[in-house]
PDB file of N, CA and C in Angstrom:
ATOM      1  N   LEU A   1       0.804  -1.548   0.131  1.00  0.00           N
ATOM      2  CA  LEU A   1       0.169  -0.461  -0.173  1.00  0.00           C
ATOM      3  C   LEU A   1       0.907   1.048  -0.306  1.00  0.00           C
ATOM      4  N   ASP A   2       0.222   2.405  -0.473  1.00  0.00           N
ATOM      5  CA  ASP A   2       1.138   3.671  -0.702  1.00  0.00           C
ATOM      6  C   ASP A   2       0.820   4.066   0.454  1.00  0.00           C
ATOM      7  N   ASN A   3       1.030   5.446   0.735  1.00  0.00           N
ATOM      8  CA  ASN A   3       0.813   6.363   1.504  1.00  0.00           C
ATOM      9  C   ASN A   3      -0.815   6.937   1.870  1.00  0.00           C
ATOM     10  N   ARG A   4      -1.244   6.795   0.400  1.00  0.00           N
ATOM     11  CA  ARG A   4      -2.426   7.432   0.120  1.00  0.00           C
ATOM     12  C   ARG A   4      -3.300   6.694   0.357  1.00  0.00           C
ATOM     13  N   GLN A   5      -3.268   5.334  -0.146  1.00  0.00           N
ATOM     14  CA  GLN A   5      -4.389   4.249   0.544  1.00  0.00           C
ATOM     15  C   GLN A   5      -4.161   4.202   1.994  1.00  0.00           C
ATOM     16  N   VAL A   6      -3.314   4.110   2.963  1.00  0.00           N
ATOM     17  CA  VAL A   6      -2.333   4.172   3.869  1.00  0.00           C
ATOM     18  C   VAL A   6      -3.955   5.137   4.474  1.00  0.00           C
ATOM     19  N   ASN A   7      -3.867   6.200   4.364  1.00  0.00           N
ATOM     20  CA  ASN A   7      -4.626   7.952   4.543  1.00  0.00           C
ATOM     21  C   ASN A   7      -5.930   7.416   4.585  1.00  0.00           C
ATOM     22  N   CYS A   8      -6.007   6.408   3.658  1.00  0.00           N
ATOM     23  CA  CYS A   8      -7.946   6.391   3.538  1.00  0.00           C
ATOM     24  C   CYS A   8      -8.529   5.359   4.200  1.00  0.00           C
ATOM     25  N   ALA A   9      -7.562   4.128   4.503  1.00  0.00           N
ATOM     26  CA  ALA A   9      -7.816   3.522   5.555  1.00  0.00           C
ATOM     27  C   ALA A   9      -7.953   4.006   6.719  1.00  0.00           C
ATOM     28  N   ARG A  10      -7.087   4.473   6.852  1.00  0.00           N
ATOM     29  CA  ARG A  10      -7.061   5.206   8.603  1.00  0.00           C
ATOM     30  C   ARG A  10      -8.411   6.005   8.771  1.00  0.00           C
ATOM     31  N   PHE A  11      -8.471   6.905   7.431  1.00  0.00           N
ATOM     32  CA  PHE A  11      -9.553   7.921   8.071  1.00  0.00           C
ATOM     33  C   PHE A  11     -10.930   6.661   7.528  1.00  0.00           C
ATOM     34  N   ALA A  12     -11.253   5.966   6.897  1.00  0.00           N
ATOM     35  CA  ALA A  12     -12.425   5.306   7.034  1.00  0.00           C
ATOM     36  C   ALA A  12     -12.571   4.580   8.229  1.00  0.00           C
ATOM     37  N   GLN A  13     -11.127   4.372   9.160  1.00  0.00           N
ATOM     38  CA  GLN A  13     -11.292   3.366  10.536  1.00  0.00           C
ATOM     39  C   GLN A  13     -11.531   4.203  11.294  1.00  0.00           C
ATOM     40  N   SER A  14     -11.567   5.867  11.284  1.00  0.00           N
ATOM     41  CA  SER A  14     -11.200   6.701  12.597  1.00  0.00           C
ATOM     42  C   SER A  14     -12.850   6.874  12.413  1.00  0.00           C
ATOM     43  N   ASP A  15     -13.223   7.342  13.888  1.00  0.00           N
ATOM     44  CA  ASP A  15     -14.498   7.869  14.673  1.00  0.00           C
ATOM     45  C   ASP A  15     -14.772   9.701  14.454  1.00  0.00           C
ATOM     46  N   GLU A  16     -13.483   9.975  13.601  1.00  0.00           N
ATOM     47  CA  GLU A  16     -13.683  11.486  13.294  1.00  0.00           C
ATOM     48  C   GLU A  16     -14.600  11.961  12.565  1.00  0.00           C
ATOM     49  N   LYS A  17     -15.287  13.124  13.412  1.00  0.00           N
ATOM     50  CA  LYS A  17     -16.401  13.943  12.687  1.00  0.00           C
ATOM     51  C   LYS A  17     -16.188  15.465  11.423  1.00  0.00           C
ATOM     52  N   ILE A  18     -16.822  15.397  10.418  1.00  0.00           N
ATOM     53  CA  ILE A  18     -16.070  16.327   9.550  1.00  0.00           C
ATOM     54  C   ILE A  18     -17.245  17.499   9.082  1.00  0.00           C
ATOM     55  N   ASP A  19     -17.391  18.262   9.489  1.00  0.00           N
ATOM     56  CA  ASP A  19     -18.133  19.045   8.632  1.00  0.00           C
ATOM     57  C   ASP A  19     -18.106  19.456   6.934  1.00  0.00           C
ATOM     58  N   GLY A  20     -19.472  18.642   6.164  1.00  0.00           N
ATOM     59  CA  GLY A  20     -18.947  18.769   5.479  1.00  0.00           C
ATOM     60  C   GLY A  20     -18.895  19.640   4.072  1.00  0.00           C
ATOM     61  N   ALA A  21     -19.907  21.167   4.379  1.00  0.00           N
ATOM     62  CA  ALA A  21     -19.271  22.107   3.581  1.00  0.00           C
ATOM     63  C   ALA A  21     -18.009  22.952   3.581  1.00  0.00           C
ATOM     64  N   SER A  22     -17.417  22.359   4.426  1.00  0.00           N
ATOM     65  CA  SER A  22     -15.724  22.980   4.643  1.00  0.00           C
ATOM     66  C   SER A  22     -14.927  22.080   4.679  1.00  0.00           C
ATOM     67  N   ALA A  23     -15.309  20.850   5.174  1.00  0.00           N
ATOM     68  CA  ALA A  23     -13.865  19.904   4.807  1.00  0.00           C
ATOM     69  C   ALA A  23     -13.340  19.736   3.614  1.00  0.00           C
ATOM     70  N   ALA A  24     -12.288  20.082   4.033  1.00  0.00           N
ATOM     71  CA  ALA A  24     -10.884  19.764   3.032  1.00  0.00           C
ATOM     72  C   ALA A  24     -11.077  18.355   2.396  1.00  0.00           C
ATOM     73  N   LEU A  25     -10.646  18.470   1.265  1.00  0.00           N
ATOM     74  CA  LEU A  25     -10.497  16.756   0.901  1.00  0.00           C
ATOM     75  C   LEU A  25      -8.880  16.116   0.135  1.00  0.00           C
ATOM     76  N   SER A  26      -8.080  16.705   1.344  1.00  0.00           N
ATOM     77  CA  SER A  26      -6.828  16.510   1.530  1.00  0.00           C
ATOM     78  C   SER A  26      -6.700  14.980   1.541  1.00  0.00           C
ATOM     79  N   LEU A  27      -7.251  13.843   1.901  1.00  0.00           N
ATOM     80  CA  LEU A  27      -7.157  12.925   1.526  1.00  0.00           C
ATOM     81  C   LEU A  27      -6.773  12.302   0.262  1.00  0.00           C
ATOM     82  N   CYS A  28      -5.999  11.276  -0.295  1.00  0.00           N
ATOM     83  CA  CYS A  28      -5.653  10.825  -1.472  1.00  0.00           C
ATOM     84  C   CYS A  28      -5.476  11.618  -2.296  1.00  0.00           C
ATOM     85  N   GLY A  29      -4.856  12.695  -2.044  1.00  0.00           N
ATOM     86  CA  GLY A  29      -4.283  14.125  -3.076  1.00  0.00           C
ATOM     87  C   GLY A  29      -5.489  14.649  -3.136  1.00  0.00           C
ATOM     88  N   ILE A  30      -6.217  14.809  -2.796  1.00  0.00           N
ATOM     89  CA  ILE A  30      -7.954  16.203  -3.305  1.00  0.00           C
ATOM     90  C   ILE A  30      -7.315  17.348  -2.082  1.00  0.00           C
ATOM     91  N   ALA A  31      -7.072  18.639  -2.727  1.00  0.00           N
ATOM     92  CA  ALA A  31      -7.356  19.438  -1.864  1.00  0.00           C
ATOM     93  C   ALA A  31      -7.987  20.790  -1.996  1.00  0.00           C
ATOM     94  N   LEU A  32      -9.197  20.339  -2.237  1.00  0.00           N
ATOM     95  CA  LEU A  32     -10.482  21.208  -2.444  1.00  0.00           C
ATOM     96  C   LEU A  32     -11.332  20.946  -1.368  1.00  0.00           C
ATOM     97  N   THR A  33     -12.371  22.291  -1.111  1.00  0.00           N
ATOM     98  CA  THR A  33     -13.612  21.886  -0.220  1.00  0.00           C
ATOM     99  C   THR A  33     -14.795  21.328  -1.069  1.00  0.00           C
ATOM    100  N   ILE A  34     -15.473  21.027  -0.389  1.00  0.00           N
ATOM    101  CA  ILE A  34     -17.397  20.248  -0.408  1.00  0.00           C
ATOM    102  C   ILE A  34     -17.464  21.828  -1.327  1.00  0.00           C
ATOM    103  N   SER A  35     -17.414  22.862  -0.761  1.00  0.00           N
ATOM    104  CA  SER A  35     -18.083  23.650  -1.027  1.00  0.00           C
ATOM    105  C   SER A  35     -17.449  24.245  -2.654  1.00  0.00           C
ATOM    106  N   ASP A  36     -16.355  23.853  -2.658  1.00  0.00           N
ATOM    107  CA  ASP A  36     -15.327  24.107  -4.173  1.00  0.00           C
ATOM    108  C   ASP A  36     -16.087  23.464  -5.010  1.00  0.00           C
ATOM    109  N   ILE A  37     -16.325  22.023  -5.148  1.00  0.00           N
ATOM    110  CA  ILE A  37     -16.374  20.334  -6.159  1.00  0.00           C
ATOM    111  C   ILE A  37     -18.269  21.627  -5.926  1.00  0.00           C
ATOM    112  N   ILE A  38     -18.872  21.612  -5.315  1.00  0.00           N
ATOM    113  CA  ILE A  38     -20.510  22.321  -5.199  1.00  0.00           C
ATOM    114  C   ILE A  38     -19.947  22.894  -6.405  1.00  0.00           C
ATOM    115  N   LEU A  39     -19.672  24.580  -5.893  1.00  0.00           N
ATOM    116  CA  LEU A  39     -19.459  25.791  -7.351  1.00  0.00           C
ATOM    117  C   LEU A  39     -18.703  25.489  -8.762  1.00  0.00           C
ATOM    118  N   LEU A  40     -17.875  24.361  -8.831  1.00  0.00           N
ATOM    119  CA  LEU A  40     -17.960  23.651  -9.677  1.00  0.00           C
ATOM    120  C   LEU A  40     -18.247  23.232 -10.827  1.00  0.00           C
ATOM    121  N   LYS A  41     -19.001  22.515 -10.182  1.00  0.00           N
ATOM    122  CA  LYS A  41     -20.473  21.743 -10.473  1.00  0.00           C
ATOM    123  C   LYS A  41     -20.997  22.328 -11.395  1.00  0.00           C
ATOM    124  N   GLN A  42     -21.838  23.826 -10.529  1.00  0.00           N
ATOM    125  CA  GLN A  42     -22.645  24.656 -10.912  1.00  0.00           C
ATOM    126  C   GLN A  42     -22.177  25.230 -12.149  1.00  0.00           C
ATOM    127  N   GLU A  43     -21.147  25.815 -11.888  1.00  0.00           N
ATOM    128  CA  GLU A  43     -20.639  26.705 -12.944  1.00  0.00           C
ATOM    129  C   GLU A  43     -20.826  25.801 -14.651  1.00  0.00           C
ATOM    130  N   LEU A  44     -19.976  24.716 -13.776  1.00  0.00           N
ATOM    131  CA  LEU A  44     -19.763  24.035 -15.827  1.00  0.00           C
ATOM    132  C   LEU A  44     -20.983  23.358 -15.959  1.00  0.00           C
ATOM    133  N   GLY A  45     -22.244  23.328 -14.945  1.00  0.00           N
ATOM    134  CA  GLY A  45     -22.977  22.966 -15.506  1.00  0.00           C
ATOM    135  C   GLY A  45     -24.088  24.207 -16.151  1.00  0.00           C
ATOM    136  N   GLU A  46     -23.994  25.001 -15.673  1.00  0.00           N
ATOM    137  CA  GLU A  46     -24.404  26.832 -16.221  1.00  0.00           C
ATOM    138  C   GLU A  46     -23.974  26.961 -17.773  1.00  0.00           C
ATOM    139  N   LYS A  47     -23.121  27.019 -17.464  1.00  0.00           N
ATOM    140  CA  LYS A  47     -22.349  27.490 -18.876  1.00  0.00           C
ATOM    141  C   LYS A  47     -22.245  26.354 -19.573  1.00  0.00           C
ATOM    142  N   TYR A  48     -22.183  25.349 -19.826  1.00  0.00           N
ATOM    143  CA  TYR A  48     -21.951  24.332 -20.670  1.00  0.00           C
ATOM    144  C   TYR A  48     -22.901  23.402 -20.682  1.00  0.00           C
ATOM    145  N   ARG A  49     -24.016  23.684 -20.093  1.00  0.00           N
ATOM    146  CA  ARG A  49     -25.313  22.108 -19.932  1.00  0.00           C
ATOM    147  C   ARG A  49     -23.839  20.475 -19.507  1.00  0.00           C
ATOM    148  N   THR A  50     -23.533  20.600 -18.551  1.00  0.00           N
ATOM    149  CA  THR A  50     -22.495  19.355 -18.370  1.00  0.00           C
ATOM    150  C   THR A  50     -22.830  19.377 -16.698  1.00  0.00           C
ATOM    151  N   VAL A  51     -22.417  17.732 -16.555  1.00  0.00           N
ATOM    152  CA  VAL A  51     -22.802  17.061 -15.341  1.00  0.00           C
ATOM    153  C   VAL A  51     -21.753  16.887 -14.795  1.00  0.00           C
ATOM    154  N   LEU A  52     -20.837  17.627 -13.930  1.00  0.00           N
ATOM    155  CA  LEU A  52     -19.215  16.673 -13.414  1.00  0.00           C
ATOM    156  C   LEU A  52     -19.849  15.829 -12.278  1.00  0.00           C
ATOM    157  N   HIS A  53     -19.526  14.785 -12.351  1.00  0.00           N
ATOM    158  CA  HIS A  53     -19.289  13.540 -11.269  1.00  0.00           C
ATOM    159  C   HIS A  53     -17.944  13.721 -10.382  1.00  0.00           C
ATOM    160  N   TYR A  54     -18.205  13.680  -9.350  1.00  0.00           N
ATOM    161  CA  TYR A  54     -17.351  13.229  -8.095  1.00  0.00           C
ATOM    162  C   TYR A  54     -17.167  11.429  -8.154  1.00  0.00           C
ATOM    163  N   HIS A  55     -15.803  10.686  -8.073  1.00  0.00           N
ATOM    164  CA  HIS A  55     -15.481   9.833  -7.390  1.00  0.00           C
ATOM    165  C   HIS A  55     -15.607   9.691  -6.094  1.00  0.00           C
ATOM    166  N   ASP A  56     -15.453   9.447  -5.317  1.00  0.00           N
ATOM    167  CA  ASP A  56     -14.626   9.021  -4.145  1.00  0.00           C
ATOM    168  C   ASP A  56     -14.278   7.491  -4.149  1.00  0.00           C
ATOM    169  N   VAL A  57     -13.454   7.293  -4.566  1.00  0.00           N
ATOM    170  CA  VAL A  57     -12.485   6.503  -4.696  1.00  0.00           C
ATOM    171  C   VAL A  57     -10.817   6.496  -4.152  1.00  0.00           C
ATOM    172  N   CYS A  58     -10.485   5.302  -3.462  1.00  0.00           N
ATOM    173  CA  CYS A  58      -8.841   5.043  -3.154  1.00  0.00           C
ATOM    174  C   CYS A  58      -8.415   4.253  -4.333  1.00  0.00           C
ATOM    175  N   PRO A  59      -6.447   4.813  -3.921  1.00  0.00           N
ATOM    176  CA  PRO A  59      -6.099   5.294  -3.930  1.00  0.00           C
ATOM    177  C   PRO A  59      -6.761   7.144  -4.307  1.00  0.00           C
ATOM    178  N   LYS A  60      -7.002   7.049  -5.427  1.00  0.00           N
ATOM    179  CA  LYS A  60      -7.246   8.747  -5.412  1.00  0.00           C
ATOM    180  C   LYS A  60      -8.614   9.259  -5.846  1.00  0.00           C
ATOM    181  N   PRO A  61      -9.455   9.837  -5.650  1.00  0.00           N
ATOM    182  CA  PRO A  61     -10.546  10.418  -6.003  1.00  0.00           C
ATOM    183  C   PRO A  61     -10.787  10.665  -7.354  1.00  0.00           C
ATOM    184  N   PHE A  62     -11.581  10.837  -7.884  1.00  0.00           N
ATOM    185  CA  PHE A  62     -11.725  11.281  -9.292  1.00  0.00           C
ATOM    186  C   PHE A  62     -12.903  12.058 -10.120  1.00  0.00           C
ATOM    187  N   PHE A  63     -13.210  12.902 -11.112  1.00  0.00           N
ATOM    188  CA  PHE A  63     -13.608  13.812 -11.578  1.00  0.00           C
ATOM    189  C   PHE A  63     -13.852  12.941 -12.965  1.00  0.00           C
ATOM    190  N   SER A  64     -15.176  13.137 -13.228  1.00  0.00           N
ATOM    191  CA  SER A  64     -16.151  13.087 -14.495  1.00  0.00           C
ATOM    192  C   SER A  64     -16.634  13.509 -15.420  1.00  0.00           C
ATOM    193  N   LEU A  65     -16.880  13.952 -16.278  1.00  0.00           N
ATOM    194  CA  LEU A  65     -17.172  15.116 -17.081  1.00  0.00           C
ATOM    195  C   LEU A  65     -18.389  14.040 -18.560  1.00  0.00           C
ATOM    196  N   GLU A  66     -19.723  14.714 -18.419  1.00  0.00           N
ATOM    197  CA  GLU A  66     -20.755  13.564 -19.664  1.00  0.00           C
ATOM    198  C   GLU A  66     -20.687  15.312 -20.448  1.00  0.00           C
ATOM    199  N   ARG A  67     -20.073  15.842 -21.223  1.00  0.00           N
ATOM    200  CA  ARG A  67     -19.747  16.376 -21.986  1.00  0.00           C
ATOM    201  C   ARG A  67     -18.148  16.882 -22.008  1.00  0.00           C
ATOM    202  N   THR A  68     -17.282  17.033 -22.958  1.00  0.00           N
ATOM    203  CA  THR A  68     -15.928  17.539 -22.942  1.00  0.00           C
ATOM    204  C   THR A  68     -15.810  18.380 -23.773  1.00  0.00           C
ATOM    205  N   GLY A  69     -14.717  18.759 -23.975  1.00  0.00           N
ATOM    206  CA  GLY A  69     -14.429  20.069 -25.087  1.00  0.00           C
ATOM    207  C   GLY A  69     -12.938  20.676 -24.403  1.00  0.00           C
ATOM    208  N   LYS A  70     -12.354  21.414 -25.276  1.00  0.00           N
ATOM    209  CA  LYS A  70     -11.240  22.521 -24.864  1.00  0.00           C
ATOM    210  C   LYS A  70     -11.487  23.731 -23.904  1.00  0.00           C
ATOM    211  N   GLU A  71     -12.700  24.560 -24.263  1.00  0.00           N
ATOM    212  CA  GLU A  71     -13.161  25.010 -23.439  1.00  0.00           C
ATOM    213  C   GLU A  71     -13.346  24.359 -22.000  1.00  0.00           C
ATOM    214  N   ILE A  72     -13.876  23.261 -22.064  1.00  0.00           N
ATOM    215  CA  ILE A  72     -14.254  22.883 -20.637  1.00  0.00           C
ATOM    216  C   ILE A  72     -13.389  22.997 -19.812  1.00  0.00           C
ATOM    217  N   GLN A  73     -12.371  22.229 -21.061  1.00  0.00           N
ATOM    218  CA  GLN A  73     -10.876  21.925 -19.495  1.00  0.00           C
ATOM    219  C   GLN A  73     -10.172  23.110 -19.802  1.00  0.00           C
ATOM    220  N   SER A  74     -10.345  24.004 -20.477  1.00  0.00           N
ATOM    221  CA  SER A  74      -9.206  25.130 -19.994  1.00  0.00           C
ATOM    222  C   SER A  74     -10.468  26.029 -18.568  1.00  0.00           C
ATOM    223  N   ASP A  75     -11.586  26.214 -19.030  1.00  0.00           N
ATOM    224  CA  ASP A  75     -11.831  26.454 -17.499  1.00  0.00           C
ATOM    225  C   ASP A  75     -11.922  25.685 -15.802  1.00  0.00           C
ATOM    226  N   ILE A  76     -12.230  24.420 -16.417  1.00  0.00           N
ATOM    227  CA  ILE A  76     -11.506  23.357 -15.090  1.00  0.00           C
ATOM    228  C   ILE A  76      -9.871  24.006 -14.824  1.00  0.00           C
ATOM    229  N   ILE A  77      -8.995  24.351 -15.458  1.00  0.00           N
ATOM    230  CA  ILE A  77      -7.951  24.573 -15.188  1.00  0.00           C
ATOM    231  C   ILE A  77      -7.530  25.535 -14.614  1.00  0.00           C
ATOM    232  N   MET A  78      -8.117  26.938 -15.102  1.00  0.00           N
ATOM    233  CA  MET A  78      -8.545  28.150 -14.290  1.00  0.00           C
ATOM    234  C   MET A  78      -9.053  27.923 -13.157  1.00  0.00           C
ATOM    235  N   PHE A  79     -10.023  27.212 -13.070  1.00  0.00           N
ATOM    236  CA  PHE A  79     -11.047  26.722 -11.501  1.00  0.00           C
ATOM    237  C   PHE A  79      -9.869  26.759 -10.702  1.00  0.00           C
ATOM    238  N   LEU A  80      -9.634  25.275 -11.079  1.00  0.00           N
ATOM    239  CA  LEU A  80      -8.527  24.944  -9.891  1.00  0.00           C
ATOM    240  C   LEU A  80      -7.243  25.707  -9.648  1.00  0.00           C
ATOM    241  N   LYS A  81      -7.161  26.132 -10.478  1.00  0.00           N
ATOM    242  CA  LYS A  81      -5.478  26.934 -10.663  1.00  0.00           C
ATOM    243  C   LYS A  81      -5.582  28.081  -9.121  1.00  0.00           C
ATOM    244  N   LYS A  82      -6.954  28.748  -9.327  1.00  0.00           N
ATOM    245  CA  LYS A  82      -6.878  29.688  -8.365  1.00  0.00           C
ATOM    246  C   LYS A  82      -7.028  29.175  -6.955  1.00  0.00           C
ATOM    247  N   ARG A  83      -6.971  27.444  -7.212  1.00  0.00           N
ATOM    248  CA  ARG A  83      -7.133  27.373  -5.779  1.00  0.00           C
ATOM    249  C   ARG A  83      -5.782  26.068  -4.994  1.00  0.00           C
ATOM    250  N   GLY A  84      -4.957  26.598  -6.506  1.00  0.00           N
ATOM    251  CA  GLY A  84      -3.825  25.969  -6.029  1.00  0.00           C
ATOM    252  C   GLY A  84      -3.668  24.702  -6.023  1.00  0.00           C
ATOM    253  N   CYS A  85      -4.397  24.138  -7.399  1.00  0.00           N
ATOM    254  CA  CYS A  85      -4.583  22.906  -7.815  1.00  0.00           C
ATOM    255  C   CYS A  85      -4.465  22.870  -9.039  1.00  0.00           C
ATOM    256  N   THR A  86      -3.854  21.214  -9.415  1.00  0.00           N
ATOM    257  CA  THR A  86      -3.698  21.109 -11.202  1.00  0.00           C
ATOM    258  C   THR A  86      -4.219  19.885 -11.700  1.00  0.00           C
ATOM    259  N   PRO A  87      -4.982  20.281 -12.339  1.00  0.00           N
ATOM    260  CA  PRO A  87      -6.142  18.812 -13.196  1.00  0.00           C
ATOM    261  C   PRO A  87      -5.243  17.772 -13.901  1.00  0.00           C
ATOM    262  N   ARG A  88      -5.398  16.894 -14.027  1.00  0.00           N
ATOM    263  CA  ARG A  88      -4.741  15.807 -14.685  1.00  0.00           C
ATOM    264  C   ARG A  88      -5.836  14.896 -15.400  1.00  0.00           C
ATOM    265  N   PHE A  89      -6.094  15.314 -16.620  1.00  0.00           N
ATOM    266  CA  PHE A  89      -7.252  14.946 -17.379  1.00  0.00           C
ATOM    267  C   PHE A  89      -6.363  13.307 -18.301  1.00  0.00           C
ATOM    268  N   SER A  90      -7.835  12.631 -18.490  1.00  0.00           N
ATOM    269  CA  SER A  90      -7.428  11.033 -19.348  1.00  0.00           C
ATOM    270  C   SER A  90      -7.327  12.115 -20.563  1.00  0.00           C
ATOM    271  N   ASP A  91      -6.740  11.173 -21.819  1.00  0.00           N
ATOM    272  CA  ASP A  91      -5.952  11.442 -22.983  1.00  0.00           C
ATOM    273  C   ASP A  91      -8.430  11.576 -24.052  1.00  0.00           C
ATOM    274  N   ASP A  92      -9.097  11.151 -23.009  1.00  0.00           N
ATOM    275  CA  ASP A  92     -10.362  11.698 -23.770  1.00  0.00           C
ATOM    276  C   ASP A  92     -10.660  12.691 -23.362  1.00  0.00           C
ATOM    277  N   GLY A  93      -9.919  13.593 -21.863  1.00  0.00           N
ATOM    278  CA  GLY A  93     -10.888  14.620 -21.608  1.00  0.00           C
ATOM    279  C   GLY A  93     -11.792  14.348 -20.770  1.00  0.00           C
ATOM    280  N   SER A  94     -12.435  13.039 -20.328  1.00  0.00           N
ATOM    281  CA  SER A  94     -14.030  13.150 -20.030  1.00  0.00           C
ATOM    282  C   SER A  94     -13.296  12.331 -18.494  1.00  0.00           C
ATOM    283  N   GLN A  95     -12.451  12.334 -17.894  1.00  0.00           N
ATOM    284  CA  GLN A  95     -12.393  12.363 -16.211  1.00  0.00           C
ATOM    285  C   GLN A  95     -10.404  12.521 -16.345  1.00  0.00           C
ATOM    286  N   PHE A  96     -11.151  13.491 -14.484  1.00  0.00           N
ATOM    287  CA  PHE A  96      -9.147  13.858 -14.139  1.00  0.00           C
ATOM    288  C   PHE A  96      -9.440  13.893 -12.980  1.00  0.00           C
ATOM    289  N   THR A  97      -8.350  13.625 -12.326  1.00  0.00           N
ATOM    290  CA  THR A  97      -7.656  13.891 -11.004  1.00  0.00           C
ATOM    291  C   THR A  97      -7.456  15.509 -10.598  1.00  0.00           C
ATOM    292  N   VAL A  98      -7.363  15.579  -9.342  1.00  0.00           N
ATOM    293  CA  VAL A  98      -6.640  16.891  -9.294  1.00  0.00           C
ATOM    294  C   VAL A  98      -5.421  16.967  -7.782  1.00  0.00           C
ATOM    295  N   GLU A  99      -4.031  17.721  -8.446  1.00  0.00           N
ATOM    296  CA  GLU A  99      -3.028  17.753  -7.742  1.00  0.00           C
ATOM    297  C   GLU A  99      -2.983  18.957  -7.215  1.00  0.00           C
ATOM    298  N   ARG A 100      -2.055  18.647  -5.677  1.00  0.00           N
ATOM    299  CA  ARG A 100      -2.303  19.938  -5.498  1.00  0.00           C
ATOM    300  C   ARG A 100      -0.840  20.822  -5.970  1.00  0.00           C
ATOM    301  N   GLY A 101      -0.583  21.697  -5.664  1.00  0.00           N
ATOM    302  CA  GLY A 101       0.027  22.800  -6.941  1.00  0.00           C
ATOM    303  C   GLY A 101      -0.029  23.086  -7.946  1.00  0.00           C
ATOM    304  N   ILE A 102       0.541  24.101  -8.652  1.00  0.00           N
ATOM    305  CA  ILE A 102       0.094  24.716 -10.130  1.00  0.00           C
ATOM    306  C   ILE A 102       1.247  24.280 -11.071  1.00  0.00           C
TER     307      ILE A 102
END
C-alpha cells in the first residue's frame, strides 16, 4: 500500500467527524473543499450544460464529465489554479484527478 491508500484506510476506520461544507478533501491527494466541488459543478452546468461527477474512491478520487471540450477543460484548469491545484485529464478528457500545486 502507498501512503494515500494507508491514509484512506486510517480515515475510514476513524471516528473523526467532519463538517461537509468546509471539509478539505486532502486525503488521497485532493486539496479542495466540498463547497469548491459544488461551485465547479454549478458553473460547468450553467455554462456548458454538462454534469460533473465526483467519484470518491481510493487510492485517488476522480471526476468525470458527461460532455468534454477544450473550453470546458480550460475553465476547469483556471478554476483549480485559483485554488492551488492542477487537474490531470484522461486522454479523452472525460475524467480527471486533482493534484496540489500549479
